Amino acid sequence: MSWVAVAVGGAAVVGAGASAYASNSAAKKSANAVKGSSSDANQLQWDMYDQTREDFAPFRQPSDRALATLQSALYGGDSEYIDPRFTRLDSGELQNLNADLLRQSGNEYFAGKDNNFLLQHLANNPWDAKYSADKPFYRGPNGEITDKPSMLSAQWKPQESEGFKYTKSRTLEDLGRSLRMMGRGSGTVAANATGRTLGDLNVQNEATQRNELWNMVKTGQGAAGSIAGAGQNAANTVGGNIMSAGNNLASIAQNNGQTQANLWAGLGGTAANAYGAYQMGQYLNKPAAAPTYASGQGMPLWRAQ
C-alpha cells in the first residue's frame, strides 16, 4: 500500500509540474501577442499622424512667411521666420526618439524592449529623456535634430509685387490716355491726377496684400489646428492602447497566478491523501499483539476458573 501512495504522490507532482509549465508557456505567448499587437497598433497611429503632417505641410509652411511679412507690415523692418525645411517635432515624436535612444544606449536593461515598456519607463523617469517636450526641437533637411533651426527674413514690400506693378502700369497708361484726350496730358492737372491715382493704388494694394497675407495665415492656422488634433487623437489612442495592453498583461499574469495556486493547492491535497494512505498502510501491516493471560498463570482466563 505504501508504494502505491508514493506512486500516486509522484504522479501528482509530475502532473502539477507539467500543468504549471503549460500554464506559464501559454501566459508568455499571450503576453507576447498582447505586446506585439499593441506595438503594431501604436506604430500605425504614428504613421497616420506623420502622413497627416505631410499632407498639411503645403498649407502650413507658407503661412509662416505670411505671418512674418504681416508683422513686418505692422511693425516695420525685417521679421524672421523658421526655414520651412525644418519641421518641429511634437511630443509623440520626441517620446519615440527618446525611446530609441534608450534602446540603443548599450544598457542591457533597455536592449530589445518594445516602445510600450520604454515609454512607461520615461514617464516614471523623465530625467532619462534627452529631448524634453518643454523645449521646441526640429528635424532639419538632413535628418538632424536641433533646437536652433535656421531662420529666414521677411520684409513688407508691397510695391514690389508683380501684380501691383502690372496694375500700376495699366492704370497710369489709361489715365494718361484720358488726360491727353482732354488736352491735359501735361502740367499741374496731370501731375495732381497722377499723384492721387498712385496714392489710391498704393492704399488699395496694401489693403489687398494685407488681406491676402491674413488669409494665408488663417489657412496655416487651420492646418496647424488639424495637425494638432491629429496628434492629440494619436496620443490618446496610443495612451489607450498602452493602458489596455497593461490591463491585459495584468489579467494574464493574474490568471496564470491563480492557475498556479490552484495547481499547487490541488497537489497539496493529493499529497495529504497519499500521506494518509501511507499511514493507513503502515497501520494495517503492523503485526498483531500477543493475547493477554490472567495473573501470570500463562493460561486463558476461562481455564483459571
Protein backbone atom coordinates (compact mmCIF):
# COMPACT_ATOMS: atom_id res chain seq x y z
CA MET A 1 0.00 0.00 0.00
CA SER A 2 2.84 2.43 0.85
CA TRP A 3 4.38 2.04 -2.61
CA VAL A 4 1.02 2.81 -4.22
CA ALA A 5 0.75 6.01 -2.18
CA VAL A 6 4.24 7.05 -3.17
CA ALA A 7 3.43 6.39 -6.83
CA VAL A 8 0.24 8.44 -6.58
CA GLY A 9 2.08 11.32 -4.94
CA GLY A 10 4.86 11.21 -7.53
CA ALA A 11 2.39 11.20 -10.39
CA ALA A 12 0.63 14.20 -8.84
CA VAL A 13 3.89 16.14 -8.61
CA VAL A 14 4.79 15.36 -12.23
CA GLY A 15 1.29 16.27 -13.42
CA ALA A 16 1.27 19.54 -11.48
CA GLY A 17 4.70 20.45 -12.83
CA ALA A 18 3.62 19.77 -16.42
CA SER A 19 0.44 21.78 -15.95
CA ALA A 20 2.37 24.66 -14.37
CA TYR A 21 4.83 24.67 -17.28
CA ALA A 22 1.98 24.64 -19.81
CA SER A 23 0.26 27.49 -17.97
CA ASN A 24 3.44 29.57 -17.88
CA SER A 25 4.10 28.91 -21.57
CA ALA A 26 0.57 29.89 -22.57
CA ALA A 27 0.75 33.04 -20.43
CA LYS A 28 4.06 34.04 -22.01
CA LYS A 29 2.69 33.54 -25.54
CA SER A 30 -0.43 35.55 -24.69
CA ALA A 31 1.66 38.34 -23.19
CA ASN A 32 3.89 38.49 -26.27
CA ALA A 33 0.83 38.59 -28.51
CA VAL A 34 -0.64 41.48 -26.49
CA LYS A 35 2.65 43.41 -26.61
CA GLY A 36 3.08 42.80 -30.33
CA SER A 37 -0.44 43.84 -31.28
CA SER A 38 -0.26 46.94 -29.08
CA SER A 39 3.07 47.96 -30.57
CA ASP A 40 1.77 47.46 -34.12
CA ALA A 41 -1.37 49.46 -33.39
CA ASN A 42 0.68 52.30 -31.88
CA GLN A 43 3.02 52.40 -34.85
CA LEU A 44 0.04 52.57 -37.20
CA GLN A 45 -1.31 55.56 -35.27
CA TRP A 46 2.00 57.42 -35.53
CA ASP A 47 2.31 56.56 -39.23
CA MET A 48 -1.14 58.02 -39.85
CA TYR A 49 -0.21 61.13 -37.88
CA ASP A 50 3.02 61.55 -39.85
CA GLN A 51 1.02 61.29 -43.07
CA THR A 52 -1.39 63.97 -41.79
CA ARG A 53 1.53 66.30 -41.07
CA GLU A 54 2.92 65.70 -44.54
CA ASP A 55 -0.46 66.34 -46.17
CA PHE A 56 -0.95 69.67 -44.37
CA ALA A 57 2.65 70.89 -44.77
CA PRO A 58 1.95 72.76 -48.06
CA PHE A 59 -0.72 74.81 -46.26
CA ARG A 60 1.18 75.39 -43.01
CA GLN A 61 4.64 76.36 -44.24
CA PRO A 62 3.72 79.36 -46.48
CA SER A 63 1.69 80.80 -43.63
CA ASP A 64 4.87 81.14 -41.55
CA ARG A 65 6.31 83.55 -44.09
CA ALA A 66 2.96 85.29 -44.49
CA LEU A 67 2.76 85.88 -40.75
CA ALA A 68 6.33 87.21 -40.65
CA THR A 69 5.59 89.54 -43.59
CA LEU A 70 2.42 90.75 -41.91
CA GLN A 71 4.40 91.50 -38.75
CA SER A 72 6.85 93.48 -40.87
CA ALA A 73 3.92 95.43 -42.34
CA LEU A 74 2.58 96.27 -38.90
CA TYR A 75 5.83 96.99 -37.05
CA GLY A 76 8.31 97.79 -39.82
CA GLY A 77 11.72 96.31 -40.53
CA ASP A 78 12.54 92.69 -41.17
CA SER A 79 10.75 89.83 -39.46
CA GLU A 80 12.23 86.35 -39.11
CA TYR A 81 10.54 83.02 -39.54
CA ILE A 82 11.73 79.42 -39.37
CA ASP A 83 13.12 77.88 -42.52
CA PRO A 84 10.29 75.61 -43.80
CA ARG A 85 12.83 72.82 -44.35
CA PHE A 86 12.89 72.44 -40.56
CA THR A 87 9.91 70.60 -39.10
CA ARG A 88 9.04 70.96 -35.46
CA LEU A 89 8.71 67.65 -33.62
CA ASP A 90 5.66 67.05 -31.45
CA SER A 91 5.68 65.32 -28.07
CA GLY A 92 4.90 61.90 -29.56
CA GLU A 93 7.85 62.08 -31.95
CA LEU A 94 10.13 63.24 -29.14
CA GLN A 95 9.00 60.31 -26.98
CA ASN A 96 9.76 57.85 -29.78
CA LEU A 97 13.20 59.43 -30.25
CA ASN A 98 13.89 59.14 -26.53
CA ALA A 99 12.76 55.50 -26.57
CA ASP A 100 15.08 54.74 -29.50
CA LEU A 101 18.00 56.38 -27.69
CA LEU A 102 17.37 54.24 -24.60
CA ARG A 103 17.19 51.10 -26.73
CA GLN A 104 20.48 52.00 -28.43
CA SER A 105 22.24 53.18 -25.26
CA GLY A 106 24.07 49.89 -24.69
CA ASN A 107 22.28 49.36 -21.39
CA GLU A 108 21.15 45.72 -21.27
CA TYR A 109 18.08 46.71 -19.28
CA PHE A 110 16.68 48.58 -22.31
CA ALA A 111 18.00 46.32 -25.09
CA GLY A 112 15.24 44.73 -27.16
CA LYS A 113 12.43 46.34 -25.15
CA ASP A 114 9.34 47.50 -27.02
CA ASN A 115 8.13 51.09 -27.05
CA ASN A 116 5.39 50.47 -24.51
CA PHE A 117 7.95 49.42 -21.91
CA LEU A 118 10.33 52.27 -22.75
CA LEU A 119 7.61 54.94 -22.81
CA GLN A 120 6.38 53.78 -19.41
CA HIS A 121 9.96 53.97 -18.11
CA LEU A 122 10.31 57.52 -19.46
CA ALA A 123 7.02 58.52 -17.87
CA ASN A 124 8.32 57.31 -14.50
CA ASN A 125 11.89 58.60 -15.07
CA PRO A 126 11.66 61.81 -17.16
CA TRP A 127 15.32 62.66 -16.44
CA ASP A 128 16.31 59.78 -18.77
CA ALA A 129 14.82 61.66 -21.75
CA LYS A 130 17.29 63.58 -23.92
CA TYR A 131 14.58 65.60 -25.66
CA SER A 132 12.05 67.37 -23.46
CA ALA A 133 8.62 68.36 -24.76
CA ASP A 134 9.01 71.63 -22.82
CA LYS A 135 11.51 72.85 -25.42
CA PRO A 136 10.95 73.02 -29.21
CA PHE A 137 13.07 70.66 -31.30
CA TYR A 138 13.19 70.44 -35.07
CA ARG A 139 14.22 67.90 -37.69
CA GLY A 140 16.39 69.55 -40.33
CA PRO A 141 16.68 68.84 -44.06
CA ASN A 142 19.47 66.32 -43.43
CA GLY A 143 17.60 64.49 -40.66
CA GLU A 144 19.45 66.24 -37.84
CA ILE A 145 17.63 67.08 -34.59
CA THR A 146 18.23 70.59 -33.30
CA ASP A 147 16.71 73.28 -31.11
CA LYS A 148 18.23 76.02 -33.30
CA PRO A 149 16.68 75.86 -36.79
CA SER A 150 17.89 78.22 -39.48
CA MET A 151 15.86 81.40 -39.86
CA LEU A 152 14.75 83.33 -42.92
CA SER A 153 13.90 87.01 -43.23
CA ALA A 154 10.67 88.55 -44.49
CA GLN A 155 10.04 92.22 -45.22
CA TRP A 156 6.93 94.09 -46.18
CA LYS A 157 7.48 95.46 -49.72
CA PRO A 158 4.03 95.84 -51.27
CA GLN A 159 5.26 97.96 -54.19
CA GLU A 160 7.46 95.10 -55.42
CA SER A 161 4.51 92.81 -56.01
CA GLU A 162 4.30 91.79 -59.65
CA GLY A 163 0.54 92.16 -59.50
CA PHE A 164 0.83 95.71 -58.22
CA LYS A 165 3.42 96.63 -60.86
CA TYR A 166 1.11 95.44 -63.61
CA THR A 167 -1.95 97.21 -62.18
CA LYS A 168 0.05 100.44 -61.70
CA SER A 169 1.35 100.35 -65.27
CA ARG A 170 -2.05 99.76 -66.83
CA THR A 171 -3.78 102.34 -64.64
CA LEU A 172 -1.26 105.07 -65.42
CA GLU A 173 -1.46 104.29 -69.15
CA ASP A 174 -5.25 104.60 -69.05
CA LEU A 175 -5.01 107.82 -67.02
CA GLY A 176 -2.51 109.36 -69.43
CA ARG A 177 -4.66 108.47 -72.42
CA SER A 178 -7.70 110.05 -70.79
CA LEU A 179 -5.81 113.23 -69.89
CA ARG A 180 -4.46 113.58 -73.41
CA MET A 181 -7.92 113.21 -74.86
CA MET A 182 -8.97 116.13 -72.65
CA GLY A 183 -5.97 118.17 -73.69
CA ARG A 184 -4.38 117.95 -70.25
CA GLY A 185 -1.66 115.43 -70.85
CA SER A 186 0.90 117.53 -69.01
CA GLY A 187 1.14 120.25 -66.44
CA THR A 188 -0.19 120.63 -62.92
CA VAL A 189 -3.52 118.93 -63.56
CA ALA A 190 -1.86 115.83 -64.97
CA ALA A 191 0.67 115.72 -62.12
CA ASN A 192 -2.04 116.06 -59.49
CA ALA A 193 -4.20 113.41 -61.13
CA THR A 194 -1.29 111.04 -61.40
CA GLY A 195 -0.32 111.61 -57.76
CA ARG A 196 -3.82 110.99 -56.49
CA THR A 197 -4.14 107.88 -58.63
CA LEU A 198 -0.83 106.48 -57.36
CA GLY A 199 -1.82 107.19 -53.78
CA ASP A 200 -5.11 105.40 -54.22
CA LEU A 201 -3.38 102.48 -55.91
CA ASN A 202 -0.88 102.17 -53.05
CA VAL A 203 -3.58 102.18 -50.40
CA GLN A 204 -5.68 99.68 -52.30
CA ASN A 205 -2.65 97.47 -52.98
CA GLU A 206 -1.53 97.44 -49.34
CA ALA A 207 -5.02 96.60 -48.13
CA THR A 208 -5.30 93.80 -50.69
CA GLN A 209 -1.94 92.34 -49.77
CA ARG A 210 -2.68 92.51 -46.05
CA ASN A 211 -5.90 90.61 -46.65
CA GLU A 212 -4.09 88.03 -48.77
CA LEU A 213 -1.42 87.58 -46.10
CA TRP A 214 -4.04 87.26 -43.39
CA ASN A 215 -5.93 84.65 -45.41
CA MET A 216 -2.70 82.66 -45.78
CA VAL A 217 -2.12 82.94 -42.03
CA LYS A 218 -5.63 81.65 -41.33
CA THR A 219 -5.10 78.78 -43.76
CA GLY A 220 -1.91 77.85 -41.94
CA GLN A 221 -3.66 78.25 -38.62
CA GLY A 222 -6.34 75.83 -39.74
CA ALA A 223 -3.71 73.36 -40.96
CA ALA A 224 -1.84 73.64 -37.66
CA GLY A 225 -5.08 73.02 -35.78
CA SER A 226 -5.79 69.94 -37.87
CA ILE A 227 -2.27 68.65 -37.25
CA ALA A 228 -2.61 69.30 -33.53
CA GLY A 229 -5.95 67.50 -33.49
CA ALA A 230 -4.46 64.53 -35.32
CA GLY A 231 -1.56 64.48 -32.86
CA GLN A 232 -3.90 64.61 -29.89
CA ASN A 233 -6.01 61.79 -31.32
CA ALA A 234 -2.90 59.70 -31.96
CA ALA A 235 -1.62 60.35 -28.44
CA ASN A 236 -4.98 59.47 -26.90
CA THR A 237 -5.23 56.28 -28.95
CA VAL A 238 -1.67 55.24 -28.16
CA GLY A 239 -2.23 56.00 -24.49
CA GLY A 240 -5.39 53.91 -24.56
CA ASN A 241 -3.53 51.08 -26.29
CA ILE A 242 -0.79 51.17 -23.66
CA MET A 243 -3.34 51.19 -20.84
CA SER A 244 -5.32 48.36 -22.46
CA ALA A 245 -2.15 46.33 -23.01
CA GLY A 246 -1.18 46.88 -19.39
CA ASN A 247 -4.58 45.72 -18.18
CA ASN A 248 -4.46 42.67 -20.45
CA LEU A 249 -0.97 41.76 -19.26
CA ALA A 250 -2.06 42.16 -15.65
CA SER A 251 -5.08 39.95 -16.32
CA ILE A 252 -2.88 37.30 -17.96
CA ALA A 253 -0.48 37.37 -15.02
CA GLN A 254 -3.36 37.19 -12.53
CA ASN A 255 -4.99 34.26 -14.32
CA ASN A 256 -1.69 32.43 -14.56
CA GLY A 257 -1.03 33.06 -10.89
CA GLN A 258 -4.46 31.74 -9.96
CA THR A 259 -3.89 28.67 -12.13
CA GLN A 260 -0.55 28.06 -10.42
CA ALA A 261 -2.15 28.47 -6.99
CA ASN A 262 -4.92 26.03 -7.86
CA LEU A 263 -2.40 23.50 -9.18
CA TRP A 264 -0.25 23.62 -6.08
CA ALA A 265 -3.28 23.60 -3.80
CA GLY A 266 -4.50 20.50 -5.61
CA LEU A 267 -1.04 18.99 -5.30
CA GLY A 268 -1.12 19.69 -1.57
CA GLY A 269 -4.43 17.89 -1.24
CA THR A 270 -3.14 14.92 -3.25
CA ALA A 271 -0.01 14.78 -1.13
CA ALA A 272 -2.11 14.83 2.05
CA ASN A 273 -4.29 12.00 0.75
CA ALA A 274 -1.22 10.00 -0.28
CA TYR A 275 0.33 10.50 3.14
CA GLY A 276 -2.91 9.39 4.83
CA ALA A 277 -2.98 6.29 2.65
CA TYR A 278 0.62 5.60 3.55
CA GLN A 279 -0.12 5.87 7.27
CA MET A 280 -3.13 3.59 6.89
CA GLY A 281 -0.94 1.03 5.08
CA GLN A 282 1.60 1.18 7.86
CA TYR A 283 -1.09 0.56 10.45
CA LEU A 284 -2.65 -2.36 8.60
CA ASN A 285 0.71 -4.02 8.02
CA LYS A 286 1.69 -3.79 11.69
CA PRO A 287 1.95 -7.32 13.44
CA ALA A 288 -0.93 -8.24 15.82
CA ALA A 289 -0.24 -8.07 19.63
CA ALA A 290 0.06 -11.30 21.75
CA PRO A 291 -3.09 -12.42 23.79
CA THR A 292 -3.32 -11.39 27.47
CA TYR A 293 -3.41 -14.06 30.30
CA ALA A 294 -4.53 -13.74 33.99
CA SER A 295 -2.19 -13.23 36.94
CA GLY A 296 0.86 -14.60 35.22
CA GLN A 297 -0.50 -18.23 35.08
CA GLY A 298 0.07 -18.42 31.39
CA MET A 299 -3.39 -19.72 30.56
CA PRO A 300 -6.66 -18.25 29.38
CA LEU A 301 -8.98 -16.86 31.99
CA TRP A 302 -11.72 -19.46 31.45
CA ARG A 303 -9.31 -22.23 32.32
CA ALA A 304 -8.29 -20.45 35.51
CA GLN A 305 -11.89 -20.55 36.68
